[in-house]
């Protein structure tokens, strides 16, 4: 069984809202510790819902990151090959004898 943020995000949001309402009822019945507990739970579940929305542990970001890393590796390889070809061309041009020049006839 895999963890699915798309399923747990609305659950966390609903539980957060329920705790906000419960904190109001507990505060109305003059139970400060009970109200504070519900308020803390509301904040905790709200933060968790935001964390799930951002998706740092989601499956889409790592796959996308792997694709970018693979493409970066390919680009590095192509750049190295291009630099080697440029170096070869520069060496060949530096070694080539000067072309013969034909003297103009007098």
PDB file of N, CA and C in Angstrom:
ATOM      1  N   UNK A   1       0.841  -1.163   0.000  1.00  0.00           N
ATOM      2  CA  UNK A   1       0.000   0.000   0.000  1.00  0.00           C
ATOM      3  C   UNK A   1       0.897   1.240   0.000  1.00  0.00           C
ATOM      4  N   UNK A   2       0.681   2.138  -0.941  1.00  0.00           N
ATOM      5  CA  UNK A   2       1.515   3.326  -1.047  1.00  0.00           C
ATOM      6  C   UNK A   2       0.802   4.539  -0.455  1.00  0.00           C
ATOM      7  N   UNK A   3       1.602   5.487  -0.010  1.00  0.00           N
ATOM      8  CA  UNK A   3       1.078   6.733   0.544  1.00  0.00           C
ATOM      9  C   UNK A   3       0.697   7.645  -0.609  1.00  0.00           C
ATOM     10  N   UNK A   4      -0.555   8.068  -0.637  1.00  0.00           N
ATOM     11  CA  UNK A   4      -1.033   8.917  -1.725  1.00  0.00           C
ATOM     12  C   UNK A   4      -1.401  10.292  -1.176  1.00  0.00           C
ATOM     13  N   UNK A   5      -0.574  11.309  -1.450  1.00  0.00           N
ATOM     14  CA  UNK A   5      -0.857  12.654  -0.940  1.00  0.00           C
ATOM     15  C   UNK A   5      -2.186  13.201  -1.438  1.00  0.00           C
ATOM     16  N   UNK A   6      -2.611  12.802  -2.632  1.00  0.00           N
ATOM     17  CA  UNK A   6      -3.870  13.302  -3.170  1.00  0.00           C
ATOM     18  C   UNK A   6      -5.056  12.850  -2.326  1.00  0.00           C
ATOM     19  N   UNK A   7      -4.931  11.714  -1.662  1.00  0.00           N
ATOM     20  CA  UNK A   7      -6.001  11.210  -0.798  1.00  0.00           C
ATOM     21  C   UNK A   7      -5.923  11.866   0.578  1.00  0.00           C
ATOM     22  N   UNK A   8      -4.723  11.996   1.122  1.00  0.00           N
ATOM     23  CA  UNK A   8      -4.555  12.481   2.490  1.00  0.00           C
ATOM     24  C   UNK A   8      -4.671  13.996   2.620  1.00  0.00           C
ATOM     25  N   UNK A   9      -4.427  14.747   1.549  1.00  0.00           N
ATOM     26  CA  UNK A   9      -4.523  16.204   1.610  1.00  0.00           C
ATOM     27  C   UNK A   9      -5.916  16.670   2.018  1.00  0.00           C
ATOM     28  N   UNK A  10      -7.000  16.216   1.375  1.00  0.00           N
ATOM     29  CA  UNK A  10      -8.325  16.671   1.812  1.00  0.00           C
ATOM     30  C   UNK A  10      -8.695  16.160   3.207  1.00  0.00           C
ATOM     31  N   UNK A  11      -8.213  14.980   3.558  1.00  0.00           N
ATOM     32  CA  UNK A  11      -8.496  14.454   4.898  1.00  0.00           C
ATOM     33  C   UNK A  11      -7.858  15.353   5.947  1.00  0.00           C
ATOM     34  N   UNK A  12      -6.611  15.746   5.729  1.00  0.00           N
ATOM     35  CA  UNK A  12      -5.922  16.622   6.671  1.00  0.00           C
ATOM     36  C   UNK A  12      -6.614  17.977   6.768  1.00  0.00           C
ATOM     37  N   UNK A  13      -7.090  18.494   5.647  1.00  0.00           N
ATOM     38  CA  UNK A  13      -7.785  19.783   5.653  1.00  0.00           C
ATOM     39  C   UNK A  13      -9.094  19.698   6.431  1.00  0.00           C
ATOM     40  N   UNK A  14      -9.851  18.634   6.228  1.00  0.00           N
ATOM     41  CA  UNK A  14     -11.129  18.462   6.935  1.00  0.00           C
ATOM     42  C   UNK A  14     -10.888  18.296   8.435  1.00  0.00           C
ATOM     43  N   UNK A  15      -9.913  17.490   8.809  1.00  0.00           N
ATOM     44  CA  UNK A  15      -9.618  17.290  10.233  1.00  0.00           C
ATOM     45  C   UNK A  15      -9.172  18.605  10.862  1.00  0.00           C
ATOM     46  N   UNK A  16      -8.426  19.416  10.123  1.00  0.00           N
ATOM     47  CA  UNK A  16      -8.013  20.724  10.630  1.00  0.00           C
ATOM     48  C   UNK A  16      -9.231  21.609  10.877  1.00  0.00           C
ATOM     49  N   UNK A  17     -10.171  21.634   9.930  1.00  0.00           N
ATOM     50  CA  UNK A  17     -11.385  22.448  10.089  1.00  0.00           C
ATOM     51  C   UNK A  17     -12.234  21.964  11.254  1.00  0.00           C
ATOM     52  N   UNK A  18     -12.352  20.656  11.409  1.00  0.00           N
ATOM     53  CA  UNK A  18     -13.122  20.094  12.517  1.00  0.00           C
ATOM     54  C   UNK A  18     -12.507  20.513  13.850  1.00  0.00           C
ATOM     55  N   UNK A  19     -11.185  20.523  13.935  1.00  0.00           N
ATOM     56  CA  UNK A  19     -10.524  20.924  15.170  1.00  0.00           C
ATOM     57  C   UNK A  19     -10.678  22.420  15.443  1.00  0.00           C
ATOM     58  N   UNK A  20     -10.768  23.231  14.407  1.00  0.00           N
ATOM     59  CA  UNK A  20     -11.024  24.661  14.608  1.00  0.00           C
ATOM     60  C   UNK A  20     -12.404  24.860  15.233  1.00  0.00           C
ATOM     61  N   UNK A  21     -13.395  24.151  14.688  1.00  0.00           N
ATOM     62  CA  UNK A  21     -14.754  24.243  15.236  1.00  0.00           C
ATOM     63  C   UNK A  21     -14.776  23.713  16.665  1.00  0.00           C
ATOM     64  N   UNK A  22     -14.107  22.600  16.916  1.00  0.00           N
ATOM     65  CA  UNK A  22     -14.069  22.019  18.261  1.00  0.00           C
ATOM     66  C   UNK A  22     -13.372  22.955  19.240  1.00  0.00           C
ATOM     67  N   UNK A  23     -12.338  23.670  18.777  1.00  0.00           N
ATOM     68  CA  UNK A  23     -11.666  24.633  19.646  1.00  0.00           C
ATOM     69  C   UNK A  23     -12.629  25.753  20.036  1.00  0.00           C
ATOM     70  N   UNK A  24     -13.462  26.180  19.119  1.00  0.00           N
ATOM     71  CA  UNK A  24     -14.462  27.203  19.427  1.00  0.00           C
ATOM     72  C   UNK A  24     -15.460  26.726  20.463  1.00  0.00           C
ATOM     73  N   UNK A  25     -15.963  25.502  20.311  1.00  0.00           N
ATOM     74  CA  UNK A  25     -16.913  24.951  21.297  1.00  0.00           C
ATOM     75  C   UNK A  25     -16.246  24.779  22.660  1.00  0.00           C
ATOM     76  N   UNK A  26     -14.991  24.297  22.656  1.00  0.00           N
ATOM     77  CA  UNK A  26     -14.293  24.099  23.929  1.00  0.00           C
ATOM     78  C   UNK A  26     -14.013  25.436  24.607  1.00  0.00           C
ATOM     79  N   UNK A  27     -13.706  26.465  23.844  1.00  0.00           N
ATOM     80  CA  UNK A  27     -13.473  27.786  24.426  1.00  0.00           C
ATOM     81  C   UNK A  27     -14.774  28.363  24.971  1.00  0.00           C
ATOM     82  N   UNK A  28     -15.880  28.073  24.276  1.00  0.00           N
ATOM     83  CA  UNK A  28     -17.188  28.558  24.739  1.00  0.00           C
ATOM     84  C   UNK A  28     -17.616  27.914  26.041  1.00  0.00           C
ATOM     85  N   UNK A  29     -17.161  26.707  26.302  1.00  0.00           N
ATOM     86  CA  UNK A  29     -17.535  26.025  27.545  1.00  0.00           C
ATOM     87  C   UNK A  29     -16.486  26.233  28.632  1.00  0.00           C
ATOM     88  N   UNK A  30     -15.658  27.249  28.430  1.00  0.00           N
ATOM     89  CA  UNK A  30     -14.608  27.639  29.381  1.00  0.00           C
ATOM     90  C   UNK A  30     -13.682  26.483  29.774  1.00  0.00           C
ATOM     91  N   UNK A  31     -13.184  25.774  28.786  1.00  0.00           N
ATOM     92  CA  UNK A  31     -12.182  24.728  29.004  1.00  0.00           C
ATOM     93  C   UNK A  31     -10.939  25.136  28.205  1.00  0.00           C
ATOM     94  N   UNK A  32     -10.056  25.956  28.789  1.00  0.00           N
ATOM     95  CA  UNK A  32      -8.927  26.500  28.019  1.00  0.00           C
ATOM     96  C   UNK A  32      -7.946  25.441  27.524  1.00  0.00           C
ATOM     97  N   UNK A  33      -7.648  24.408  28.324  1.00  0.00           N
ATOM     98  CA  UNK A  33      -6.708  23.377  27.884  1.00  0.00           C
ATOM     99  C   UNK A  33      -7.296  22.541  26.766  1.00  0.00           C
ATOM    100  N   UNK A  34      -8.559  22.273  26.853  1.00  0.00           N
ATOM    101  CA  UNK A  34      -9.234  21.514  25.806  1.00  0.00           C
ATOM    102  C   UNK A  34      -9.236  22.323  24.505  1.00  0.00           C
ATOM    103  N   UNK A  35      -9.544  23.626  24.609  1.00  0.00           N
ATOM    104  CA  UNK A  35      -9.560  24.491  23.433  1.00  0.00           C
ATOM    105  C   UNK A  35      -8.152  24.635  22.836  1.00  0.00           C
ATOM    106  N   UNK A  36      -7.156  24.757  23.709  1.00  0.00           N
ATOM    107  CA  UNK A  36      -5.777  24.891  23.227  1.00  0.00           C
ATOM    108  C   UNK A  36      -5.320  23.620  22.507  1.00  0.00           C
ATOM    109  N   UNK A  37      -5.739  22.479  23.015  1.00  0.00           N
ATOM    110  CA  UNK A  37      -5.383  21.210  22.363  1.00  0.00           C
ATOM    111  C   UNK A  37      -5.990  21.130  20.966  1.00  0.00           C
ATOM    112  N   UNK A  38      -7.262  21.509  20.853  1.00  0.00           N
ATOM    113  CA  UNK A  38      -7.909  21.495  19.529  1.00  0.00           C
ATOM    114  C   UNK A  38      -7.261  22.513  18.591  1.00  0.00           C
ATOM    115  N   UNK A  39      -6.882  23.674  19.109  1.00  0.00           N
ATOM    116  CA  UNK A  39      -6.230  24.686  18.276  1.00  0.00           C
ATOM    117  C   UNK A  39      -4.875  24.179  17.775  1.00  0.00           C
ATOM    118  N   UNK A  40      -4.127  23.527  18.672  1.00  0.00           N
ATOM    119  CA  UNK A  40      -2.832  22.976  18.266  1.00  0.00           C
ATOM    120  C   UNK A  40      -2.992  21.886  17.212  1.00  0.00           C
ATOM    121  N   UNK A  41      -3.999  21.044  17.398  1.00  0.00           N
ATOM    122  CA  UNK A  41      -4.255  19.995  16.397  1.00  0.00           C
ATOM    123  C   UNK A  41      -4.677  20.610  15.059  1.00  0.00           C
ATOM    124  N   UNK A  42      -5.470  21.672  15.119  1.00  0.00           N
ATOM    125  CA  UNK A  42      -5.900  22.331  13.881  1.00  0.00           C
ATOM    126  C   UNK A  42      -4.700  22.883  13.128  1.00  0.00           C
ATOM    127  N   UNK A  43      -3.783  23.513  13.858  1.00  0.00           N
ATOM    128  CA  UNK A  43      -2.579  24.055  13.219  1.00  0.00           C
ATOM    129  C   UNK A  43      -1.721  22.924  12.651  1.00  0.00           C
ATOM    130  N   UNK A  44      -1.558  21.857  13.420  1.00  0.00           N
ATOM    131  CA  UNK A  44      -0.721  20.733  12.964  1.00  0.00           C
ATOM    132  C   UNK A  44      -1.290  20.098  11.701  1.00  0.00           C
ATOM    133  N   UNK A  45      -2.599  19.833  11.692  1.00  0.00           N
ATOM    134  CA  UNK A  45      -3.198  19.225  10.496  1.00  0.00           C
ATOM    135  C   UNK A  45      -3.205  20.198   9.321  1.00  0.00           C
ATOM    136  N   UNK A  46      -3.355  21.493   9.593  1.00  0.00           N
ATOM    137  CA  UNK A  46      -3.297  22.483   8.522  1.00  0.00           C
ATOM    138  C   UNK A  46      -1.918  22.541   7.880  1.00  0.00           C
ATOM    139  N   UNK A  47      -0.880  22.508   8.720  1.00  0.00           N
ATOM    140  CA  UNK A  47       0.489  22.502   8.184  1.00  0.00           C
ATOM    141  C   UNK A  47       0.773  21.239   7.389  1.00  0.00           C
ATOM    142  N   UNK A  48       0.250  20.118   7.879  1.00  0.00           N
ATOM    143  CA  UNK A  48       0.447  18.863   7.155  1.00  0.00           C
ATOM    144  C   UNK A  48      -0.241  18.914   5.793  1.00  0.00           C
ATOM    145  N   UNK A  49      -1.446  19.499   5.746  1.00  0.00           N
ATOM    146  CA  UNK A  49      -2.158  19.624   4.470  1.00  0.00           C
ATOM    147  C   UNK A  49      -1.359  20.488   3.498  1.00  0.00           C
ATOM    148  N   UNK A  50      -0.761  21.573   4.006  1.00  0.00           N
ATOM    149  CA  UNK A  50       0.070  22.416   3.138  1.00  0.00           C
ATOM    150  C   UNK A  50       1.309  21.667   2.663  1.00  0.00           C
ATOM    151  N   UNK A  51       1.898  20.891   3.558  1.00  0.00           N
ATOM    152  CA  UNK A  51       3.073  20.098   3.198  1.00  0.00           C
ATOM    153  C   UNK A  51       2.725  19.094   2.091  1.00  0.00           C
ATOM    154  N   UNK A  52       1.577  18.481   2.206  1.00  0.00           N
ATOM    155  CA  UNK A  52       1.152  17.527   1.175  1.00  0.00           C
ATOM    156  C   UNK A  52       0.852  18.241  -0.134  1.00  0.00           C
ATOM    157  N   UNK A  53       0.352  19.462  -0.048  1.00  0.00           N
ATOM    158  CA  UNK A  53       0.044  20.228  -1.254  1.00  0.00           C
ATOM    159  C   UNK A  53       1.317  20.607  -1.986  1.00  0.00           C
ATOM    160  N   UNK A  54       2.362  20.978  -1.216  1.00  0.00           N
ATOM    161  CA  UNK A  54       3.642  21.353  -1.834  1.00  0.00           C
ATOM    162  C   UNK A  54       4.302  20.159  -2.498  1.00  0.00           C
ATOM    163  N   UNK A  55       4.085  18.968  -1.955  1.00  0.00           N
ATOM    164  CA  UNK A  55       4.560  17.739  -2.578  1.00  0.00           C
ATOM    165  C   UNK A  55       6.039  17.458  -2.509  1.00  0.00           C
ATOM    166  N   UNK A  56       6.756  17.770  -1.396  1.00  0.00           N
ATOM    167  CA  UNK A  56       8.183  17.439  -1.381  1.00  0.00           C
ATOM    168  C   UNK A  56       8.445  15.949  -1.429  1.00  0.00           C
ATOM    169  N   UNK A  57       7.513  15.127  -0.987  1.00  0.00           N
ATOM    170  CA  UNK A  57       7.712  13.689  -1.023  1.00  0.00           C
ATOM    171  C   UNK A  57       6.904  13.024  -2.111  1.00  0.00           C
ATOM    172  N   UNK A  58       6.314  13.833  -2.998  1.00  0.00           N
ATOM    173  CA  UNK A  58       5.477  13.283  -4.061  1.00  0.00           C
ATOM    174  C   UNK A  58       6.290  12.526  -5.086  1.00  0.00           C
ATOM    175  N   UNK A  59       5.621  11.740  -5.896  1.00  0.00           N
ATOM    176  CA  UNK A  59       6.324  10.910  -6.875  1.00  0.00           C
ATOM    177  C   UNK A  59       6.642  11.675  -8.153  1.00  0.00           C
ATOM    178  N   UNK A  60       6.000  12.821  -8.388  1.00  0.00           N
ATOM    179  CA  UNK A  60       6.213  13.562  -9.627  1.00  0.00           C
ATOM    180  C   UNK A  60       7.550  14.295  -9.622  1.00  0.00           C
ATOM    181  N   UNK A  61       7.922  14.916  -8.510  1.00  0.00           N
ATOM    182  CA  UNK A  61       9.158  15.689  -8.463  1.00  0.00           C
ATOM    183  C   UNK A  61      10.407  14.840  -8.637  1.00  0.00           C
ATOM    184  N   UNK A  62      10.557  13.723  -7.923  1.00  0.00           N
ATOM    185  CA  UNK A  62      11.779  12.937  -8.140  1.00  0.00           C
ATOM    186  C   UNK A  62      11.910  12.420  -9.571  1.00  0.00           C
ATOM    187  N   UNK A  63      10.805  12.013 -10.184  1.00  0.00           N
ATOM    188  CA  UNK A  63      10.877  11.529 -11.566  1.00  0.00           C
ATOM    189  C   UNK A  63      11.308  12.660 -12.487  1.00  0.00           C
ATOM    190  N   UNK A  64      10.766  13.844 -12.267  1.00  0.00           N
ATOM    191  CA  UNK A  64      11.129  14.994 -13.082  1.00  0.00           C
ATOM    192  C   UNK A  64      12.591  15.360 -12.850  1.00  0.00           C
ATOM    193  N   UNK A  65      13.021  15.293 -11.606  1.00  0.00           N
ATOM    194  CA  UNK A  65      14.409  15.589 -11.275  1.00  0.00           C
ATOM    195  C   UNK A  65      15.356  14.589 -11.936  1.00  0.00           C
ATOM    196  N   UNK A  66      14.982  13.323 -11.954  1.00  0.00           N
ATOM    197  CA  UNK A  66      15.805  12.312 -12.618  1.00  0.00           C
ATOM    198  C   UNK A  66      15.901  12.586 -14.115  1.00  0.00           C
ATOM    199  N   UNK A  67      14.793  13.024 -14.725  1.00  0.00           N
ATOM    200  CA  UNK A  67      14.810  13.357 -16.144  1.00  0.00           C
ATOM    201  C   UNK A  67      15.760  14.517 -16.420  1.00  0.00           C
ATOM    202  N   UNK A  68      15.717  15.526 -15.555  1.00  0.00           N
ATOM    203  CA  UNK A  68      16.590  16.690 -15.727  1.00  0.00           C
ATOM    204  C   UNK A  68      18.047  16.288 -15.550  1.00  0.00           C
ATOM    205  N   UNK A  69      18.330  15.451 -14.553  1.00  0.00           N
ATOM    206  CA  UNK A  69      19.703  14.992 -14.337  1.00  0.00           C
ATOM    207  C   UNK A  69      20.210  14.179 -15.519  1.00  0.00           C
ATOM    208  N   UNK A  70      19.355  13.336 -16.090  1.00  0.00           N
ATOM    209  CA  UNK A  70      19.765  12.545 -17.259  1.00  0.00           C
ATOM    210  C   UNK A  70      20.051  13.456 -18.448  1.00  0.00           C
ATOM    211  N   UNK A  71      19.205  14.455 -18.645  1.00  0.00           N
ATOM    212  CA  UNK A  71      19.418  15.378 -19.755  1.00  0.00           C
ATOM    213  C   UNK A  71      20.692  16.198 -19.536  1.00  0.00           C
ATOM    214  N   UNK A  72      20.946  16.582 -18.290  1.00  0.00           N
ATOM    215  CA  UNK A  72      22.170  17.317 -17.976  1.00  0.00           C
ATOM    216  C   UNK A  72      23.401  16.463 -18.260  1.00  0.00           C
ATOM    217  N   UNK A  73      23.344  15.182 -17.924  1.00  0.00           N
ATOM    218  CA  UNK A  73      24.450  14.279 -18.223  1.00  0.00           C
ATOM    219  C   UNK A  73      24.701  14.168 -19.724  1.00  0.00           C
ATOM    220  N   UNK A  74      23.622  14.091 -20.491  1.00  0.00           N
ATOM    221  CA  UNK A  74      23.750  14.030 -21.953  1.00  0.00           C
ATOM    222  C   UNK A  74      24.381  15.309 -22.492  1.00  0.00           C
ATOM    223  N   UNK A  75      23.932  16.454 -21.977  1.00  0.00           N
ATOM    224  CA  UNK A  75      24.489  17.725 -22.432  1.00  0.00           C
ATOM    225  C   UNK A  75      25.970  17.849 -22.074  1.00  0.00           C
ATOM    226  N   UNK A  76      26.348  17.368 -20.909  1.00  0.00           N
ATOM    227  CA  UNK A  76      27.762  17.397 -20.519  1.00  0.00           C
ATOM    228  C   UNK A  76      28.598  16.550 -21.470  1.00  0.00           C
ATOM    229  N   UNK A  77      28.090  15.368 -21.800  1.00  0.00           N
ATOM    230  CA  UNK A  77      28.814  14.482 -22.710  1.00  0.00           C
ATOM    231  C   UNK A  77      28.974  15.129 -24.080  1.00  0.00           C
ATOM    232  N   UNK A  78      27.890  15.734 -24.584  1.00  0.00           N
ATOM    233  CA  UNK A  78      27.964  16.393 -25.887  1.00  0.00           C
ATOM    234  C   UNK A  78      28.934  17.572 -25.855  1.00  0.00           C
ATOM    235  N   UNK A  79      28.945  18.313 -24.745  1.00  0.00           N
ATOM    236  CA  UNK A  79      29.870  19.436 -24.626  1.00  0.00           C
ATOM    237  C   UNK A  79      31.312  18.951 -24.608  1.00  0.00           C
ATOM    238  N   UNK A  80      31.594  17.863 -23.914  1.00  0.00           N
ATOM    239  CA  UNK A  80      32.949  17.309 -23.886  1.00  0.00           C
ATOM    240  C   UNK A  80      33.383  16.871 -25.281  1.00  0.00           C
ATOM    241  N   UNK A  81      32.484  16.233 -26.010  1.00  0.00           N
ATOM    242  CA  UNK A  81      32.815  15.799 -27.373  1.00  0.00           C
ATOM    243  C   UNK A  81      33.086  17.001 -28.274  1.00  0.00           C
ATOM    244  N   UNK A  82      32.282  18.041 -28.117  1.00  0.00           N
ATOM    245  CA  UNK A  82      32.480  19.247 -28.925  1.00  0.00           C
ATOM    246  C   UNK A  82      33.819  19.902 -28.601  1.00  0.00           C
ATOM    247  N   UNK A  83      34.170  19.949 -27.318  1.00  0.00           N
ATOM    248  CA  UNK A  83      35.456  20.521 -26.924  1.00  0.00           C
ATOM    249  C   UNK A  83      36.617  19.694 -27.472  1.00  0.00           C
ATOM    250  N   UNK A  84      36.487  18.375 -27.464  1.00  0.00           N
ATOM    251  CA  UNK A  84      37.541  17.528 -28.029  1.00  0.00           C
ATOM    252  C   UNK A  84      37.702  17.782 -29.525  1.00  0.00           C
ATOM    253  N   UNK A  85      36.589  17.935 -30.228  1.00  0.00           N
ATOM    254  CA  UNK A  85      36.660  18.208 -31.663  1.00  0.00           C
ATOM    255  C   UNK A  85      37.299  19.564 -31.928  1.00  0.00           C
ATOM    256  N   UNK A  86      36.967  20.542 -31.107  1.00  0.00           N
ATOM    257  CA  UNK A  86      37.559  21.866 -31.267  1.00  0.00           C
ATOM    258  C   UNK A  86      39.064  21.808 -31.011  1.00  0.00           C
ATOM    259  N   UNK A  87      39.464  21.100 -29.963  1.00  0.00           N
ATOM    260  CA  UNK A  87      40.894  20.954 -29.680  1.00  0.00           C
ATOM    261  C   UNK A  87      41.610  20.260 -30.837  1.00  0.00           C
ATOM    262  N   UNK A  88      41.023  19.222 -31.395  1.00  0.00           N
ATOM    263  CA  UNK A  88      41.612  18.507 -32.525  1.00  0.00           C
ATOM    264  C   UNK A  88      41.759  19.440 -33.721  1.00  0.00           C
ATOM    265  N   UNK A  89      40.713  20.205 -33.987  1.00  0.00           N
ATOM    266  CA  UNK A  89      40.763  21.129 -35.128  1.00  0.00           C
ATOM    267  C   UNK A  89      41.841  22.179 -34.926  1.00  0.00           C
ATOM    268  N   UNK A  90      41.956  22.696 -33.712  1.00  0.00           N
ATOM    269  CA  UNK A  90      42.996  23.690 -33.444  1.00  0.00           C
ATOM    270  C   UNK A  90      44.387  23.093 -33.616  1.00  0.00           C
ATOM    271  N   UNK A  91      44.579  21.849 -33.161  1.00  0.00           N
ATOM    272  CA  UNK A  91      45.888  21.195 -33.338  1.00  0.00           C
ATOM    273  C   UNK A  91      46.190  20.989 -34.818  1.00  0.00           C
ATOM    274  N   UNK A  92      45.217  20.557 -35.578  1.00  0.00           N
ATOM    275  CA  UNK A  92      45.429  20.319 -37.010  1.00  0.00           C
ATOM    276  C   UNK A  92      45.762  21.626 -37.730  1.00  0.00           C
ATOM    277  N   UNK A  93      45.087  22.694 -37.373  1.00  0.00           N
ATOM    278  CA  UNK A  93      45.370  23.975 -38.017  1.00  0.00           C
ATOM    279  C   UNK A  93      46.749  24.495 -37.625  1.00  0.00           C
ATOM    280  N   UNK A  94      47.162  24.221 -36.403  1.00  0.00           N
ATOM    281  CA  UNK A  94      48.479  24.675 -35.957  1.00  0.00           C
ATOM    282  C   UNK A  94      49.601  23.872 -36.613  1.00  0.00           C
ATOM    283  N   UNK A  95      49.373  22.609 -36.959  1.00  0.00           N
ATOM    284  CA  UNK A  95      50.396  21.753 -37.551  1.00  0.00           C
ATOM    285  C   UNK A  95      50.465  21.869 -39.065  1.00  0.00           C
ATOM    286  N   UNK A  96      49.455  22.343 -39.675  1.00  0.00           N
ATOM    287  CA  UNK A  96      49.412  22.371 -41.139  1.00  0.00           C
ATOM    288  C   UNK A  96      50.485  23.312 -41.681  1.00  0.00           C
ATOM    289  N   UNK A  97      51.215  22.846 -42.719  1.00  0.00           N
ATOM    290  CA  UNK A  97      52.220  23.737 -43.318  1.00  0.00           C
ATOM    291  C   UNK A  97      51.513  24.874 -44.053  1.00  0.00           C
ATOM    292  N   UNK A  98      52.246  25.950 -44.166  1.00  0.00           N
ATOM    293  CA  UNK A  98      51.657  27.079 -44.880  1.00  0.00           C
ATOM    294  C   UNK A  98      51.510  26.715 -46.348  1.00  0.00           C
ATOM    295  N   UNK A  99      50.443  27.127 -46.924  1.00  0.00           N
ATOM    296  CA  UNK A  99      50.257  26.799 -48.350  1.00  0.00           C
ATOM    297  C   UNK A  99      51.291  27.531 -49.211  1.00  0.00           C
ATOM    298  N   UNK A 100      51.668  26.878 -50.329  1.00  0.00           N
ATOM    299  CA  UNK A 100      52.643  27.479 -51.242  1.00  0.00           C
ATOM    300  C   UNK A 100      51.983  28.640 -51.962  1.00  0.00           C
ATOM    301  N   UNK A 101      52.786  29.647 -52.094  1.00  0.00           N
ATOM    302  CA  UNK A 101      52.252  30.815 -52.793  1.00  0.00           C
ATOM    303  C   UNK A 101      52.952  30.910 -54.152  1.00  0.00           C
ATOM    304  N   UNK A 102      52.166  31.180 -55.086  1.00  0.00           N
ATOM    305  CA  UNK A 102      52.723  31.315 -56.415  1.00  0.00           C
ATOM    306  C   UNK A 102      53.208  32.752 -56.585  1.00  0.00           C
ATOM    307  N   UNK A 103      54.480  32.832 -57.001  1.00  0.00           N
ATOM    308  CA  UNK A 103      55.042  34.158 -57.217  1.00  0.00           C
ATOM    309  C   UNK A 103      54.430  34.751 -58.470  1.00  0.00           C
ATOM    310  N   UNK A 104      54.093  35.977 -58.410  1.00  0.00           N
ATOM    311  CA  UNK A 104      53.556  36.602 -59.646  1.00  0.00           C
ATOM    312  C   UNK A 104      54.650  36.693 -60.713  1.00  0.00           C
ATOM    313  N   UNK A 105      54.284  36.507 -61.941  1.00  0.00           N
ATOM    314  CA  UNK A 105      55.239  36.556 -63.048  1.00  0.00           C
ATOM    315  C   UNK A 105      55.619  37.991 -63.347  1.00  0.00           C
ATOM    316  N   UNK A 106      56.865  38.173 -63.702  1.00  0.00           N
ATOM    317  CA  UNK A 106      57.341  39.532 -63.997  1.00  0.00           C
ATOM    318  C   UNK A 106      57.547  39.729 -65.451  1.00  0.00           C
TER     319      UNK A 106
END
